[in-house]
Amino acid sequence: MDAAGANSLTLQGDLYRSRFDETLTVASLSPPYSNTFPNDGKTAEETSSGRWNHTSEGSSMSLQMYYDNTTILDHSLFGDHKTTRRRFPTRFHIGGFPKFVWGLGYRSIRDKNDPSFTVSLQPNQVTSPSHIPSG
């Protein structure tokens, strides 16, 4: 999608889905020292991104954003939910001499795991925001 005039806008998105059925054998501490069972699960991922550009005489500015959501559900072993939000550097370029460029950036990742009888992570949820250096 393109906006008119000195502005341009680009949007993109993806969607992925997958299912699986398998037979798992998991080690056990008691006889017969392993368990075999059917396992089904699914994987899903959604992503979207956008970029806005603005130009005028002697200067330009852009803003990028990105979102990713991934879910892996392995019903017998593990569930993982991960969301990533990023705002890429916003850059301004002002014409003339000397040139001036600056920007900001931010990223937030949330990872949550659902425990099962076989796998358990502690802590089971982590959110890690961080600032992204611009350059």
Protein backbone atom coordinates (compact mmCIF):
# COMPACT_ATOMS: atom_id res chain seq x y z
CA MET A 1 0.00 0.00 0.00
CA ASP A 2 1.41 3.39 -0.94
CA ALA A 3 0.22 6.67 0.52
CA ALA A 4 0.08 9.71 -1.76
CA GLY A 5 2.63 12.50 -1.92
CA ALA A 6 5.78 12.57 0.17
CA ASN A 7 4.58 9.65 2.32
CA SER A 8 4.86 5.93 1.68
CA LEU A 9 3.43 3.10 3.74
CA THR A 10 4.34 -0.59 3.47
CA LEU A 11 2.48 -3.31 5.37
CA GLN A 12 3.27 -7.03 5.40
CA GLY A 13 1.93 -10.00 7.31
CA ASP A 14 2.41 -13.76 7.43
CA LEU A 15 0.46 -16.60 8.99
CA TYR A 16 1.73 -20.15 9.49
CA ARG A 17 -0.07 -23.15 11.00
CA SER A 18 1.09 -26.75 11.38
CA ARG A 19 -0.25 -29.86 13.14
CA PHE A 20 1.56 -33.07 13.99
CA ASP A 21 0.74 -36.54 15.29
CA GLU A 22 3.58 -38.73 16.51
CA THR A 23 4.47 -41.50 18.94
CA LEU A 24 6.88 -40.56 21.74
CA THR A 25 9.01 -42.68 24.02
CA VAL A 26 10.06 -40.91 27.22
CA ALA A 27 12.56 -42.22 29.78
CA SER A 28 11.27 -43.13 33.23
CA LEU A 29 13.01 -43.78 36.56
CA SER A 30 10.90 -46.87 37.27
CA PRO A 31 10.46 -50.13 35.34
CA PRO A 32 10.03 -50.54 32.40
CA TYR A 33 12.19 -47.34 32.33
CA SER A 34 10.32 -45.79 29.42
CA ASN A 35 6.77 -44.88 28.42
CA THR A 36 5.49 -44.81 24.86
CA PHE A 37 2.38 -42.80 24.03
CA PRO A 38 0.70 -40.91 21.19
CA ASN A 39 1.44 -37.19 21.06
CA ASP A 40 -0.26 -34.50 19.02
CA GLY A 41 0.48 -30.83 18.81
CA LYS A 42 0.47 -27.72 16.73
CA THR A 43 2.63 -24.78 15.81
CA ALA A 44 1.29 -21.35 14.90
CA GLU A 45 3.07 -18.13 13.99
CA GLU A 46 1.73 -14.72 13.06
CA THR A 47 3.93 -11.84 12.02
CA SER A 48 3.20 -8.34 10.84
CA SER A 49 5.40 -5.40 10.00
CA GLY A 50 4.94 -1.89 8.77
CA ARG A 51 7.10 0.96 7.57
CA TRP A 52 6.14 4.58 7.09
CA ASN A 53 8.46 6.96 5.21
CA HIS A 54 8.05 10.70 4.92
CA THR A 55 10.25 12.93 2.80
CA SER A 56 10.30 16.65 2.32
CA GLU A 57 12.80 19.06 0.88
CA GLY A 58 16.16 18.27 2.49
CA SER A 59 14.89 15.84 5.12
CA SER A 60 13.41 12.39 5.56
CA MET A 61 11.87 10.38 8.38
CA SER A 62 10.92 6.71 8.76
CA LEU A 63 9.22 4.55 11.36
CA GLN A 64 9.26 0.74 11.39
CA MET A 65 7.26 -1.61 13.60
CA TYR A 66 7.28 -5.40 13.91
CA TYR A 67 5.13 -7.93 15.77
CA ASP A 68 5.68 -11.70 16.02
CA ASN A 69 3.56 -14.19 17.96
CA THR A 70 4.64 -17.86 18.06
CA THR A 71 2.86 -20.70 19.86
CA ILE A 72 4.12 -24.27 20.07
CA LEU A 73 1.83 -26.75 21.80
CA ASP A 74 3.14 -30.25 22.24
CA HIS A 75 0.26 -31.59 24.33
CA SER A 76 2.23 -34.29 26.09
CA LEU A 77 5.52 -32.48 26.61
CA PHE A 78 5.59 -28.72 26.31
CA GLY A 79 3.76 -25.50 25.52
CA ASP A 80 5.63 -22.34 24.54
CA HIS A 81 4.07 -18.94 23.84
CA LYS A 82 6.39 -16.19 22.65
CA THR A 83 5.44 -12.65 21.67
CA THR A 84 7.92 -10.16 20.30
CA ARG A 85 7.14 -6.49 19.76
CA ARG A 86 9.74 -4.23 18.24
CA ARG A 87 9.82 -0.66 17.16
CA PHE A 88 12.82 -0.17 14.99
CA PRO A 89 14.73 3.07 14.97
CA THR A 90 12.82 6.15 13.99
CA ARG A 91 15.26 8.15 11.92
CA PHE A 92 15.20 11.77 10.92
CA HIS A 93 17.58 13.07 8.28
CA ILE A 94 17.72 16.81 7.94
CA GLY A 95 19.43 18.20 4.87
CA GLY A 96 22.18 20.77 4.79
CA PHE A 97 25.62 20.56 6.32
CA PRO A 98 26.34 18.96 8.75
CA LYS A 99 23.79 16.15 8.45
CA PHE A 100 21.82 15.23 11.55
CA VAL A 101 20.48 11.68 12.10
CA TRP A 102 18.90 10.32 15.28
CA GLY A 103 16.53 7.55 16.27
CA LEU A 104 14.88 5.50 19.00
CA GLY A 105 14.21 1.80 19.34
CA TYR A 106 12.40 -0.54 21.72
CA ARG A 107 11.89 -4.31 21.91
CA SER A 108 9.74 -6.37 24.27
CA ILE A 109 9.80 -10.17 24.37
CA ARG A 110 7.37 -12.20 26.50
CA ASP A 111 8.02 -15.94 26.74
CA LYS A 112 5.61 -18.18 28.66
CA ASN A 113 5.93 -21.96 29.04
CA ASP A 114 3.21 -24.40 30.07
CA PRO A 115 4.68 -27.24 32.17
CA SER A 116 3.86 -30.91 31.71
CA PHE A 117 4.74 -34.08 33.61
CA THR A 118 8.00 -34.26 31.60
CA VAL A 119 9.15 -30.64 31.17
CA SER A 120 8.93 -27.69 33.55
CA LEU A 121 10.91 -24.45 33.27
CA GLN A 122 11.28 -22.05 36.19
CA PRO A 123 10.37 -19.28 35.98
CA ASN A 124 7.74 -20.28 33.46
CA GLN A 125 7.19 -16.70 32.26
CA VAL A 126 9.75 -14.02 31.39
CA THR A 127 9.26 -10.55 29.94
CA SER A 128 12.38 -8.79 28.77
CA PRO A 129 11.98 -5.25 27.46
CA SER A 130 15.08 -3.54 26.17
CA HIS A 131 16.07 -0.41 24.34
CA ILE A 132 17.64 -0.91 20.94
CA PRO A 133 20.55 1.41 20.16
CA SER A 134 20.01 3.45 17.02
CA GLY A 135 22.75 3.99 14.57
